[in-house]
Amino acid sequence: MSPIFISVFLLALSCSVMTVAWYAHLRFKELPLWIAVLGSWLIALFEYALQVPANRIGHGVLTAAQLRIIAEFFTLSSFIGFSVFYLREPMSLNYLVSFGLIFAAVIIAFWGPFK
């Protein structure tokens, strides 16, 4: 398998896991804050086990900026689904347009160097 494929796959997984770490506790507001922090930290530890190899494997065939931009794409993609289906929050038009503009930035970043 190519390093790019492995890196992108691991970044997709890590960003999905990190979305859970950042936002899953919002459905459990009755729990003490320290439990939310500890639980999120434990989930984030697993995320790091995916993200660090993703960047290590991908760097060299992709730039660090490209790796970060790929991660942002997957972070936003996973967040949209997570917020709608897990948190049950509506996705309004202004959010969709905002995410669309950020996705456009991802495309521009891979378009090639501007001179």
PDB file of N, CA and C in Angstrom:
ATOM      1  N   MET A   1       0.841  -1.187   0.000  1.00  0.00           N
ATOM      2  CA  MET A   1       0.000   0.000   0.000  1.00  0.00           C
ATOM      3  C   MET A   1       0.880   1.241   0.000  1.00  0.00           C
ATOM      4  N   SER A   2       0.380   2.268  -0.611  1.00  0.00           N
ATOM      5  CA  SER A   2       1.165   3.499  -0.722  1.00  0.00           C
ATOM      6  C   SER A   2       1.156   4.268   0.602  1.00  0.00           C
ATOM      7  N   PRO A   3       2.243   4.990   0.870  1.00  0.00           N
ATOM      8  CA  PRO A   3       2.287   5.798   2.088  1.00  0.00           C
ATOM      9  C   PRO A   3       1.179   6.847   2.142  1.00  0.00           C
ATOM     10  N   ILE A   4       0.795   7.370   0.987  1.00  0.00           N
ATOM     11  CA  ILE A   4      -0.275   8.377   0.970  1.00  0.00           C
ATOM     12  C   ILE A   4      -1.588   7.751   1.424  1.00  0.00           C
ATOM     13  N   PHE A   5      -1.911   6.577   0.876  1.00  0.00           N
ATOM     14  CA  PHE A   5      -3.160   5.911   1.255  1.00  0.00           C
ATOM     15  C   PHE A   5      -3.171   5.598   2.747  1.00  0.00           C
ATOM     16  N   ILE A   6      -2.090   5.030   3.258  1.00  0.00           N
ATOM     17  CA  ILE A   6      -2.007   4.688   4.682  1.00  0.00           C
ATOM     18  C   ILE A   6      -2.153   5.945   5.539  1.00  0.00           C
ATOM     19  N   SER A   7      -1.448   6.991   5.162  1.00  0.00           N
ATOM     20  CA  SER A   7      -1.490   8.237   5.914  1.00  0.00           C
ATOM     21  C   SER A   7      -2.894   8.841   5.922  1.00  0.00           C
ATOM     22  N   VAL A   8      -3.526   8.903   4.763  1.00  0.00           N
ATOM     23  CA  VAL A   8      -4.877   9.475   4.669  1.00  0.00           C
ATOM     24  C   VAL A   8      -5.869   8.632   5.472  1.00  0.00           C
ATOM     25  N   PHE A   9      -5.747   7.316   5.386  1.00  0.00           N
ATOM     26  CA  PHE A   9      -6.634   6.421   6.131  1.00  0.00           C
ATOM     27  C   PHE A   9      -6.476   6.635   7.636  1.00  0.00           C
ATOM     28  N   LEU A  10      -5.237   6.682   8.112  1.00  0.00           N
ATOM     29  CA  LEU A  10      -4.991   6.898   9.540  1.00  0.00           C
ATOM     30  C   LEU A  10      -5.449   8.280   9.987  1.00  0.00           C
ATOM     31  N   LEU A  11      -5.267   9.290   9.138  1.00  0.00           N
ATOM     32  CA  LEU A  11      -5.746  10.629   9.485  1.00  0.00           C
ATOM     33  C   LEU A  11      -7.267  10.657   9.587  1.00  0.00           C
ATOM     34  N   ALA A  12      -7.948   9.961   8.684  1.00  0.00           N
ATOM     35  CA  ALA A  12      -9.412   9.902   8.742  1.00  0.00           C
ATOM     36  C   ALA A  12      -9.866   9.270  10.056  1.00  0.00           C
ATOM     37  N   LEU A  13      -9.226   8.173  10.433  1.00  0.00           N
ATOM     38  CA  LEU A  13      -9.580   7.525  11.699  1.00  0.00           C
ATOM     39  C   LEU A  13      -9.263   8.418  12.889  1.00  0.00           C
ATOM     40  N   SER A  14      -8.076   9.013  12.884  1.00  0.00           N
ATOM     41  CA  SER A  14      -7.674   9.820  14.036  1.00  0.00           C
ATOM     42  C   SER A  14      -8.580  11.030  14.205  1.00  0.00           C
ATOM     43  N   CYS A  15      -8.957  11.660  13.118  1.00  0.00           N
ATOM     44  CA  CYS A  15      -9.831  12.840  13.219  1.00  0.00           C
ATOM     45  C   CYS A  15     -11.225  12.461  13.703  1.00  0.00           C
ATOM     46  N   SER A  16     -11.711  11.301  13.282  1.00  0.00           N
ATOM     47  CA  SER A  16     -13.012  10.841  13.764  1.00  0.00           C
ATOM     48  C   SER A  16     -12.959  10.561  15.266  1.00  0.00           C
ATOM     49  N   VAL A  17     -11.880   9.930  15.707  1.00  0.00           N
ATOM     50  CA  VAL A  17     -11.721   9.638  17.126  1.00  0.00           C
ATOM     51  C   VAL A  17     -11.603  10.943  17.916  1.00  0.00           C
ATOM     52  N   MET A  18     -10.859  11.914  17.389  1.00  0.00           N
ATOM     53  CA  MET A  18     -10.681  13.173  18.100  1.00  0.00           C
ATOM     54  C   MET A  18     -11.985  13.948  18.202  1.00  0.00           C
ATOM     55  N   THR A  19     -12.827  13.854  17.189  1.00  0.00           N
ATOM     56  CA  THR A  19     -14.138  14.499  17.258  1.00  0.00           C
ATOM     57  C   THR A  19     -14.924  13.924  18.426  1.00  0.00           C
ATOM     58  N   VAL A  20     -14.855  12.622  18.611  1.00  0.00           N
ATOM     59  CA  VAL A  20     -15.520  11.987  19.751  1.00  0.00           C
ATOM     60  C   VAL A  20     -14.918  12.499  21.058  1.00  0.00           C
ATOM     61  N   ALA A  21     -13.590  12.580  21.122  1.00  0.00           N
ATOM     62  CA  ALA A  21     -12.925  13.053  22.344  1.00  0.00           C
ATOM     63  C   ALA A  21     -13.345  14.475  22.691  1.00  0.00           C
ATOM     64  N   TRP A  22     -13.465  15.317  21.690  1.00  0.00           N
ATOM     65  CA  TRP A  22     -13.790  16.721  21.936  1.00  0.00           C
ATOM     66  C   TRP A  22     -15.250  16.958  22.291  1.00  0.00           C
ATOM     67  N   TYR A  23     -16.164  16.165  21.711  1.00  0.00           N
ATOM     68  CA  TYR A  23     -17.580  16.525  21.809  1.00  0.00           C
ATOM     69  C   TYR A  23     -18.508  15.496  22.431  1.00  0.00           C
ATOM     70  N   ALA A  24     -18.116  14.236  22.595  1.00  0.00           N
ATOM     71  CA  ALA A  24     -19.037  13.213  23.107  1.00  0.00           C
ATOM     72  C   ALA A  24     -19.532  13.536  24.514  1.00  0.00           C
ATOM     73  N   HIS A  25     -18.694  14.161  25.322  1.00  0.00           N
ATOM     74  CA  HIS A  25     -19.070  14.473  26.703  1.00  0.00           C
ATOM     75  C   HIS A  25     -20.216  15.462  26.793  1.00  0.00           C
ATOM     76  N   LEU A  26     -20.524  16.159  25.714  1.00  0.00           N
ATOM     77  CA  LEU A  26     -21.602  17.155  25.758  1.00  0.00           C
ATOM     78  C   LEU A  26     -22.971  16.523  25.998  1.00  0.00           C
ATOM     79  N   ARG A  27     -23.098  15.230  25.717  1.00  0.00           N
ATOM     80  CA  ARG A  27     -24.360  14.546  26.007  1.00  0.00           C
ATOM     81  C   ARG A  27     -24.433  14.057  27.448  1.00  0.00           C
ATOM     82  N   PHE A  28     -23.370  14.239  28.198  1.00  0.00           N
ATOM     83  CA  PHE A  28     -23.310  13.747  29.576  1.00  0.00           C
ATOM     84  C   PHE A  28     -22.941  14.872  30.530  1.00  0.00           C
ATOM     85  N   LYS A  29     -23.681  15.957  30.455  1.00  0.00           N
ATOM     86  CA  LYS A  29     -23.367  17.136  31.263  1.00  0.00           C
ATOM     87  C   LYS A  29     -23.597  16.916  32.754  1.00  0.00           C
ATOM     88  N   GLU A  30     -24.284  15.834  33.108  1.00  0.00           N
ATOM     89  CA  GLU A  30     -24.502  15.554  34.520  1.00  0.00           C
ATOM     90  C   GLU A  30     -23.248  14.990  35.194  1.00  0.00           C
ATOM     91  N   LEU A  31     -22.290  14.513  34.387  1.00  0.00           N
ATOM     92  CA  LEU A  31     -21.037  14.002  34.940  1.00  0.00           C
ATOM     93  C   LEU A  31     -20.146  15.162  35.378  1.00  0.00           C
ATOM     94  N   PRO A  32     -19.355  14.956  36.410  1.00  0.00           N
ATOM     95  CA  PRO A  32     -18.417  16.002  36.817  1.00  0.00           C
ATOM     96  C   PRO A  32     -17.436  16.324  35.692  1.00  0.00           C
ATOM     97  N   LEU A  33     -16.992  17.556  35.667  1.00  0.00           N
ATOM     98  CA  LEU A  33     -16.083  18.005  34.612  1.00  0.00           C
ATOM     99  C   LEU A  33     -14.800  17.177  34.573  1.00  0.00           C
ATOM    100  N   TRP A  34     -14.271  16.794  35.724  1.00  0.00           N
ATOM    101  CA  TRP A  34     -13.015  16.052  35.745  1.00  0.00           C
ATOM    102  C   TRP A  34     -13.161  14.698  35.058  1.00  0.00           C
ATOM    103  N   ILE A  35     -14.338  14.095  35.130  1.00  0.00           N
ATOM    104  CA  ILE A  35     -14.568  12.825  34.431  1.00  0.00           C
ATOM    105  C   ILE A  35     -14.614  13.062  32.925  1.00  0.00           C
ATOM    106  N   ALA A  36     -15.246  14.151  32.507  1.00  0.00           N
ATOM    107  CA  ALA A  36     -15.278  14.495  31.081  1.00  0.00           C
ATOM    108  C   ALA A  36     -13.865  14.733  30.557  1.00  0.00           C
ATOM    109  N   VAL A  37     -13.071  15.446  31.325  1.00  0.00           N
ATOM    110  CA  VAL A  37     -11.687  15.727  30.915  1.00  0.00           C
ATOM    111  C   VAL A  37     -10.893  14.435  30.840  1.00  0.00           C
ATOM    112  N   LEU A  38     -10.998  13.598  31.858  1.00  0.00           N
ATOM    113  CA  LEU A  38     -10.250  12.338  31.877  1.00  0.00           C
ATOM    114  C   LEU A  38     -10.688  11.420  30.742  1.00  0.00           C
ATOM    115  N   GLY A  39     -11.997  11.294  30.543  1.00  0.00           N
ATOM    116  CA  GLY A  39     -12.504  10.460  29.456  1.00  0.00           C
ATOM    117  C   GLY A  39     -12.052  10.966  28.100  1.00  0.00           C
ATOM    118  N   SER A  40     -12.121  12.277  27.911  1.00  0.00           N
ATOM    119  CA  SER A  40     -11.678  12.862  26.639  1.00  0.00           C
ATOM    120  C   SER A  40     -10.187  12.652  26.441  1.00  0.00           C
ATOM    121  N   TRP A  41      -9.424  12.781  27.492  1.00  0.00           N
ATOM    122  CA  TRP A  41      -7.986  12.586  27.397  1.00  0.00           C
ATOM    123  C   TRP A  41      -7.643  11.156  27.026  1.00  0.00           C
ATOM    124  N   LEU A  42      -8.352  10.193  27.600  1.00  0.00           N
ATOM    125  CA  LEU A  42      -8.096   8.786  27.271  1.00  0.00           C
ATOM    126  C   LEU A  42      -8.433   8.481  25.813  1.00  0.00           C
ATOM    127  N   ILE A  43      -9.508   9.075  25.321  1.00  0.00           N
ATOM    128  CA  ILE A  43      -9.852   8.904  23.906  1.00  0.00           C
ATOM    129  C   ILE A  43      -8.791   9.566  23.031  1.00  0.00           C
ATOM    130  N   ALA A  44      -8.344  10.750  23.437  1.00  0.00           N
ATOM    131  CA  ALA A  44      -7.322  11.473  22.673  1.00  0.00           C
ATOM    132  C   ALA A  44      -6.003  10.710  22.642  1.00  0.00           C
ATOM    133  N   LEU A  45      -5.695   9.964  23.682  1.00  0.00           N
ATOM    134  CA  LEU A  45      -4.486   9.148  23.686  1.00  0.00           C
ATOM    135  C   LEU A  45      -4.523   8.135  22.550  1.00  0.00           C
ATOM    136  N   PHE A  46      -5.671   7.503  22.357  1.00  0.00           N
ATOM    137  CA  PHE A  46      -5.838   6.580  21.230  1.00  0.00           C
ATOM    138  C   PHE A  46      -5.722   7.324  19.902  1.00  0.00           C
ATOM    139  N   GLU A  47      -6.279   8.539  19.850  1.00  0.00           N
ATOM    140  CA  GLU A  47      -6.192   9.344  18.629  1.00  0.00           C
ATOM    141  C   GLU A  47      -4.737   9.624  18.278  1.00  0.00           C
ATOM    142  N   TYR A  48      -3.926   9.931  19.268  1.00  0.00           N
ATOM    143  CA  TYR A  48      -2.505  10.190  19.011  1.00  0.00           C
ATOM    144  C   TYR A  48      -1.808   8.961  18.464  1.00  0.00           C
ATOM    145  N   ALA A  49      -2.238   7.779  18.894  1.00  0.00           N
ATOM    146  CA  ALA A  49      -1.647   6.535  18.396  1.00  0.00           C
ATOM    147  C   ALA A  49      -1.949   6.330  16.911  1.00  0.00           C
ATOM    148  N   LEU A  50      -2.942   7.020  16.398  1.00  0.00           N
ATOM    149  CA  LEU A  50      -3.255   6.979  14.966  1.00  0.00           C
ATOM    150  C   LEU A  50      -2.629   8.157  14.224  1.00  0.00           C
ATOM    151  N   GLN A  51      -2.695   9.331  14.831  1.00  0.00           N
ATOM    152  CA  GLN A  51      -2.271  10.566  14.163  1.00  0.00           C
ATOM    153  C   GLN A  51      -0.761  10.648  13.985  1.00  0.00           C
ATOM    154  N   VAL A  52      -0.006  10.284  15.002  1.00  0.00           N
ATOM    155  CA  VAL A  52       1.452  10.387  14.899  1.00  0.00           C
ATOM    156  C   VAL A  52       1.997   9.486  13.790  1.00  0.00           C
ATOM    157  N   PRO A  53       1.597   8.208  13.724  1.00  0.00           N
ATOM    158  CA  PRO A  53       2.064   7.386  12.596  1.00  0.00           C
ATOM    159  C   PRO A  53       1.580   7.913  11.240  1.00  0.00           C
ATOM    160  N   ALA A  54       0.359   8.457  11.201  1.00  0.00           N
ATOM    161  CA  ALA A  54      -0.159   9.004   9.944  1.00  0.00           C
ATOM    162  C   ALA A  54       0.757  10.099   9.416  1.00  0.00           C
ATOM    163  N   ASN A  55       1.144  11.005  10.300  1.00  0.00           N
ATOM    164  CA  ASN A  55       2.023  12.097   9.876  1.00  0.00           C
ATOM    165  C   ASN A  55       3.436  11.609   9.580  1.00  0.00           C
ATOM    166  N   ARG A  56       3.920  10.669  10.363  1.00  0.00           N
ATOM    167  CA  ARG A  56       5.272  10.145  10.151  1.00  0.00           C
ATOM    168  C   ARG A  56       5.360   9.409   8.812  1.00  0.00           C
ATOM    169  N   ILE A  57       4.351   8.598   8.507  1.00  0.00           N
ATOM    170  CA  ILE A  57       4.335   7.830   7.259  1.00  0.00           C
ATOM    171  C   ILE A  57       4.139   8.752   6.056  1.00  0.00           C
ATOM    172  N   GLY A  58       3.258   9.740   6.197  1.00  0.00           N
ATOM    173  CA  GLY A  58       2.918  10.604   5.072  1.00  0.00           C
ATOM    174  C   GLY A  58       3.927  11.681   4.767  1.00  0.00           C
ATOM    175  N   HIS A  59       4.679  12.103   5.795  1.00  0.00           N
ATOM    176  CA  HIS A  59       5.616  13.202   5.573  1.00  0.00           C
ATOM    177  C   HIS A  59       6.772  12.741   4.706  1.00  0.00           C
ATOM    178  N   GLY A  60       7.030  13.510   3.701  1.00  0.00           N
ATOM    179  CA  GLY A  60       8.051  13.150   2.716  1.00  0.00           C
ATOM    180  C   GLY A  60       7.408  13.001   1.349  1.00  0.00           C
ATOM    181  N   VAL A  61       6.263  12.317   1.317  1.00  0.00           N
ATOM    182  CA  VAL A  61       5.490  12.263   0.072  1.00  0.00           C
ATOM    183  C   VAL A  61       4.438  13.361   0.068  1.00  0.00           C
ATOM    184  N   LEU A  62       4.080  13.839   1.251  1.00  0.00           N
ATOM    185  CA  LEU A  62       3.194  14.996   1.413  1.00  0.00           C
ATOM    186  C   LEU A  62       3.903  15.980   2.335  1.00  0.00           C
ATOM    187  N   THR A  63       3.609  17.241   2.182  1.00  0.00           N
ATOM    188  CA  THR A  63       4.193  18.232   3.080  1.00  0.00           C
ATOM    189  C   THR A  63       3.419  18.236   4.394  1.00  0.00           C
ATOM    190  N   ALA A  64       4.008  18.824   5.416  1.00  0.00           N
ATOM    191  CA  ALA A  64       3.323  18.944   6.704  1.00  0.00           C
ATOM    192  C   ALA A  64       2.032  19.754   6.552  1.00  0.00           C
ATOM    193  N   ALA A  65       2.073  20.778   5.717  1.00  0.00           N
ATOM    194  CA  ALA A  65       0.864  21.588   5.488  1.00  0.00           C
ATOM    195  C   ALA A  65      -0.230  20.747   4.827  1.00  0.00           C
ATOM    196  N   GLN A  66       0.147  19.914   3.858  1.00  0.00           N
ATOM    197  CA  GLN A  66      -0.849  19.060   3.211  1.00  0.00           C
ATOM    198  C   GLN A  66      -1.438  18.059   4.197  1.00  0.00           C
ATOM    199  N   LEU A  67      -0.608  17.497   5.045  1.00  0.00           N
ATOM    200  CA  LEU A  67      -1.104  16.568   6.063  1.00  0.00           C
ATOM    201  C   LEU A  67      -2.090  17.262   6.995  1.00  0.00           C
ATOM    202  N   ARG A  68      -1.774  18.489   7.405  1.00  0.00           N
ATOM    203  CA  ARG A  68      -2.675  19.236   8.291  1.00  0.00           C
ATOM    204  C   ARG A  68      -3.991  19.554   7.591  1.00  0.00           C
ATOM    205  N   ILE A  69      -3.911  19.913   6.327  1.00  0.00           N
ATOM    206  CA  ILE A  69      -5.121  20.245   5.576  1.00  0.00           C
ATOM    207  C   ILE A  69      -6.000  19.010   5.381  1.00  0.00           C
ATOM    208  N   ILE A  70      -5.391  17.865   5.114  1.00  0.00           N
ATOM    209  CA  ILE A  70      -6.144  16.608   5.027  1.00  0.00           C
ATOM    210  C   ILE A  70      -6.839  16.342   6.355  1.00  0.00           C
ATOM    211  N   ALA A  71      -6.115  16.539   7.450  1.00  0.00           N
ATOM    212  CA  ALA A  71      -6.695  16.322   8.779  1.00  0.00           C
ATOM    213  C   ALA A  71      -7.882  17.256   9.019  1.00  0.00           C
ATOM    214  N   GLU A  72      -7.758  18.498   8.607  1.00  0.00           N
ATOM    215  CA  GLU A  72      -8.871  19.443   8.780  1.00  0.00           C
ATOM    216  C   GLU A  72     -10.090  19.002   7.984  1.00  0.00           C
ATOM    217  N   PHE A  73      -9.870  18.509   6.782  1.00  0.00           N
ATOM    218  CA  PHE A  73     -10.974  17.999   5.964  1.00  0.00           C
ATOM    219  C   PHE A  73     -11.721  16.900   6.719  1.00  0.00           C
ATOM    220  N   PHE A  74     -10.972  15.946   7.265  1.00  0.00           N
ATOM    221  CA  PHE A  74     -11.610  14.837   7.978  1.00  0.00           C
ATOM    222  C   PHE A  74     -12.201  15.277   9.318  1.00  0.00           C
ATOM    223  N   THR A  75     -11.585  16.236   9.965  1.00  0.00           N
ATOM    224  CA  THR A  75     -12.149  16.756  11.209  1.00  0.00           C
ATOM    225  C   THR A  75     -13.517  17.378  10.948  1.00  0.00           C
ATOM    226  N   LEU A  76     -13.595  18.208   9.922  1.00  0.00           N
ATOM    227  CA  LEU A  76     -14.882  18.836   9.594  1.00  0.00           C
ATOM    228  C   LEU A  76     -15.904  17.816   9.119  1.00  0.00           C
ATOM    229  N   SER A  77     -15.471  16.881   8.297  1.00  0.00           N
ATOM    230  CA  SER A  77     -16.393  15.861   7.792  1.00  0.00           C
ATOM    231  C   SER A  77     -16.974  15.036   8.938  1.00  0.00           C
ATOM    232  N   SER A  78     -16.118  14.603   9.838  1.00  0.00           N
ATOM    233  CA  SER A  78     -16.613  13.795  10.951  1.00  0.00           C
ATOM    234  C   SER A  78     -17.467  14.641  11.891  1.00  0.00           C
ATOM    235  N   PHE A  79     -17.105  15.909  12.069  1.00  0.00           N
ATOM    236  CA  PHE A  79     -17.880  16.767  12.960  1.00  0.00           C
ATOM    237  C   PHE A  79     -19.300  16.984  12.437  1.00  0.00           C
ATOM    238  N   ILE A  80     -19.450  17.170  11.144  1.00  0.00           N
ATOM    239  CA  ILE A  80     -20.787  17.393  10.582  1.00  0.00           C
ATOM    240  C   ILE A  80     -21.690  16.218  10.918  1.00  0.00           C
ATOM    241  N   GLY A  81     -21.220  15.017  10.627  1.00  0.00           N
ATOM    242  CA  GLY A  81     -22.026  13.832  10.936  1.00  0.00           C
ATOM    243  C   GLY A  81     -22.247  13.654  12.428  1.00  0.00           C
ATOM    244  N   PHE A  82     -21.218  13.894  13.217  1.00  0.00           N
ATOM    245  CA  PHE A  82     -21.301  13.724  14.665  1.00  0.00           C
ATOM    246  C   PHE A  82     -22.302  14.696  15.273  1.00  0.00           C
ATOM    247  N   SER A  83     -22.247  15.940  14.856  1.00  0.00           N
ATOM    248  CA  SER A  83     -23.141  16.937  15.453  1.00  0.00           C
ATOM    249  C   SER A  83     -24.599  16.680  15.077  1.00  0.00           C
ATOM    250  N   VAL A  84     -24.828  16.221  13.860  1.00  0.00           N
ATOM    251  CA  VAL A  84     -26.203  15.967  13.428  1.00  0.00           C
ATOM    252  C   VAL A  84     -26.749  14.677  14.035  1.00  0.00           C
ATOM    253  N   PHE A  85     -25.972  13.595  13.956  1.00  0.00           N
ATOM    254  CA  PHE A  85     -26.506  12.291  14.354  1.00  0.00           C
ATOM    255  C   PHE A  85     -26.291  11.948  15.824  1.00  0.00           C
ATOM    256  N   TYR A  86     -25.205  12.390  16.429  1.00  0.00           N
ATOM    257  CA  TYR A  86     -24.952  12.064  17.835  1.00  0.00           C
ATOM    258  C   TYR A  86     -25.472  13.164  18.768  1.00  0.00           C
ATOM    259  N   LEU A  87     -25.127  14.404  18.477  1.00  0.00           N
ATOM    260  CA  LEU A  87     -25.582  15.506  19.323  1.00  0.00           C
ATOM    261  C   LEU A  87     -26.990  15.977  18.966  1.00  0.00           C
ATOM    262  N   ARG A  88     -27.477  15.550  17.807  1.00  0.00           N
ATOM    263  CA  ARG A  88     -28.825  15.890  17.326  1.00  0.00           C
ATOM    264  C   ARG A  88     -29.019  17.397  17.185  1.00  0.00           C
ATOM    265  N   GLU A  89     -27.979  18.044  16.661  1.00  0.00           N
ATOM    266  CA  GLU A  89     -28.069  19.482  16.417  1.00  0.00           C
ATOM    267  C   GLU A  89     -28.350  19.711  14.937  1.00  0.00           C
ATOM    268  N   PRO A  90     -29.210  20.682  14.624  1.00  0.00           N
ATOM    269  CA  PRO A  90     -29.520  20.930  13.212  1.00  0.00           C
ATOM    270  C   PRO A  90     -28.326  21.543  12.475  1.00  0.00           C
ATOM    271  N   MET A  91     -28.229  21.230  11.199  1.00  0.00           N
ATOM    272  CA  MET A  91     -27.186  21.804  10.354  1.00  0.00           C
ATOM    273  C   MET A  91     -27.850  22.901   9.521  1.00  0.00           C
ATOM    274  N   SER A  92     -27.542  24.134   9.824  1.00  0.00           N
ATOM    275  CA  SER A  92     -28.173  25.252   9.131  1.00  0.00           C
ATOM    276  C   SER A  92     -27.388  25.618   7.874  1.00  0.00           C
ATOM    277  N   LEU A  93     -27.995  26.416   7.046  1.00  0.00           N
ATOM    278  CA  LEU A  93     -27.377  26.807   5.784  1.00  0.00           C
ATOM    279  C   LEU A  93     -26.083  27.577   6.009  1.00  0.00           C
ATOM    280  N   ASN A  94     -26.058  28.470   6.994  1.00  0.00           N
ATOM    281  CA  ASN A  94     -24.820  29.229   7.219  1.00  0.00           C
ATOM    282  C   ASN A  94     -23.677  28.314   7.655  1.00  0.00           C
ATOM    283  N   TYR A  95     -23.962  27.234   8.402  1.00  0.00           N
ATOM    284  CA  TYR A  95     -22.918  26.265   8.754  1.00  0.00           C
ATOM    285  C   TYR A  95     -22.436  25.530   7.510  1.00  0.00           C
ATOM    286  N   LEU A  96     -23.380  25.109   6.672  1.00  0.00           N
ATOM    287  CA  LEU A  96     -23.004  24.385   5.456  1.00  0.00           C
ATOM    288  C   LEU A  96     -22.158  25.246   4.524  1.00  0.00           C
ATOM    289  N   VAL A  97     -22.519  26.513   4.373  1.00  0.00           N
ATOM    290  CA  VAL A  97     -21.727  27.417   3.544  1.00  0.00           C
ATOM    291  C   VAL A  97     -20.338  27.605   4.153  1.00  0.00           C
ATOM    292  N   SER A  98     -20.270  27.769   5.461  1.00  0.00           N
ATOM    293  CA  SER A  98     -18.977  27.927   6.137  1.00  0.00           C
ATOM    294  C   SER A  98     -18.092  26.706   5.926  1.00  0.00           C
ATOM    295  N   PHE A  99     -18.655  25.521   6.125  1.00  0.00           N
ATOM    296  CA  PHE A  99     -17.884  24.298   5.897  1.00  0.00           C
ATOM    297  C   PHE A  99     -17.484  24.172   4.434  1.00  0.00           C
ATOM    298  N   GLY A 100     -18.383  24.556   3.544  1.00  0.00           N
ATOM    299  CA  GLY A 100     -18.070  24.518   2.114  1.00  0.00           C
ATOM    300  C   GLY A 100     -16.879  25.393   1.760  1.00  0.00           C
ATOM    301  N   LEU A 101     -16.804  26.561   2.357  1.00  0.00           N
ATOM    302  CA  LEU A 101     -15.661  27.451   2.109  1.00  0.00           C
ATOM    303  C   LEU A 101     -14.362  26.847   2.638  1.00  0.00           C
ATOM    304  N   ILE A 102     -14.442  26.182   3.777  1.00  0.00           N
ATOM    305  CA  ILE A 102     -13.247  25.529   4.307  1.00  0.00           C
ATOM    306  C   ILE A 102     -12.842  24.361   3.408  1.00  0.00           C
ATOM    307  N   PHE A 103     -13.817  23.603   2.909  1.00  0.00           N
ATOM    308  CA  PHE A 103     -13.496  22.521   1.977  1.00  0.00           C
ATOM    309  C   PHE A 103     -12.882  23.083   0.692  1.00  0.00           C
ATOM    310  N   ALA A 104     -13.352  24.248   0.261  1.00  0.00           N
ATOM    311  CA  ALA A 104     -12.749  24.896  -0.915  1.00  0.00           C
ATOM    312  C   ALA A 104     -11.283  25.214  -0.651  1.00  0.00           C
ATOM    313  N   ALA A 105     -10.960  25.614   0.563  1.00  0.00           N
ATOM    314  CA  ALA A 105      -9.566  25.887   0.926  1.00  0.00           C
ATOM    315  C   ALA A 105      -8.723  24.620   0.817  1.00  0.00           C
ATOM    316  N   VAL A 106      -9.289  23.480   1.161  1.00  0.00           N
ATOM    317  CA  VAL A 106      -8.578  22.207   1.023  1.00  0.00           C
ATOM    318  C   VAL A 106      -8.246  21.956  -0.443  1.00  0.00           C
ATOM    319  N   ILE A 107      -9.189  22.184  -1.312  1.00  0.00           N
ATOM    320  CA  ILE A 107      -8.968  21.973  -2.747  1.00  0.00           C
ATOM    321  C   ILE A 107      -7.892  22.916  -3.252  1.00  0.00           C
ATOM    322  N   ILE A 108      -7.957  24.160  -2.850  1.00  0.00           N
ATOM    323  CA  ILE A 108      -6.956  25.143  -3.283  1.00  0.00           C
ATOM    324  C   ILE A 108      -5.563  24.749  -2.810  1.00  0.00           C
ATOM    325  N   ALA A 109      -5.456  24.210  -1.614  1.00  0.00           N
ATOM    326  CA  ALA A 109      -4.151  23.825  -1.070  1.00  0.00           C
ATOM    327  C   ALA A 109      -3.488  22.729  -1.901  1.00  0.00           C
ATOM    328  N   PHE A 110      -4.273  21.884  -2.542  1.00  0.00           N
ATOM    329  CA  PHE A 110      -3.712  20.783  -3.334  1.00  0.00           C
ATOM    330  C   PHE A 110      -3.678  21.104  -4.822  1.00  0.00           C
ATOM    331  N   TRP A 111      -4.151  22.262  -5.186  1.00  0.00           N
ATOM    332  CA  TRP A 111      -4.216  22.655  -6.586  1.00  0.00           C
ATOM    333  C   TRP A 111      -2.830  22.823  -7.180  1.00  0.00           C
ATOM    334  N   GLY A 112      -1.910  23.249  -6.393  1.00  0.00           N
ATOM    335  CA  GLY A 112      -0.542  23.464  -6.874  1.00  0.00           C
ATOM    336  C   GLY A 112      -0.064  24.829  -6.434  1.00  0.00           C
ATOM    337  N   PRO A 113       1.213  25.051  -6.576  1.00  0.00           N
ATOM    338  CA  PRO A 113       1.756  26.339  -6.124  1.00  0.00           C
ATOM    339  C   PRO A 113       1.295  27.494  -7.016  1.00  0.00           C
ATOM    340  N   PHE A 114       0.924  28.577  -6.380  1.00  0.00           N
ATOM    341  CA  PHE A 114       0.589  29.791  -7.108  1.00  0.00           C
ATOM    342  C   PHE A 114       1.846  30.624  -7.265  1.00  0.00           C
ATOM    343  N   LYS A 115       2.020  31.163  -8.428  1.00  0.00           N
ATOM    344  CA  LYS A 115       3.221  31.970  -8.672  1.00  0.00           C
ATOM    345  C   LYS A 115       2.841  33.322  -9.165  1.00  0.00           C
TER     346      LYS A 115
END
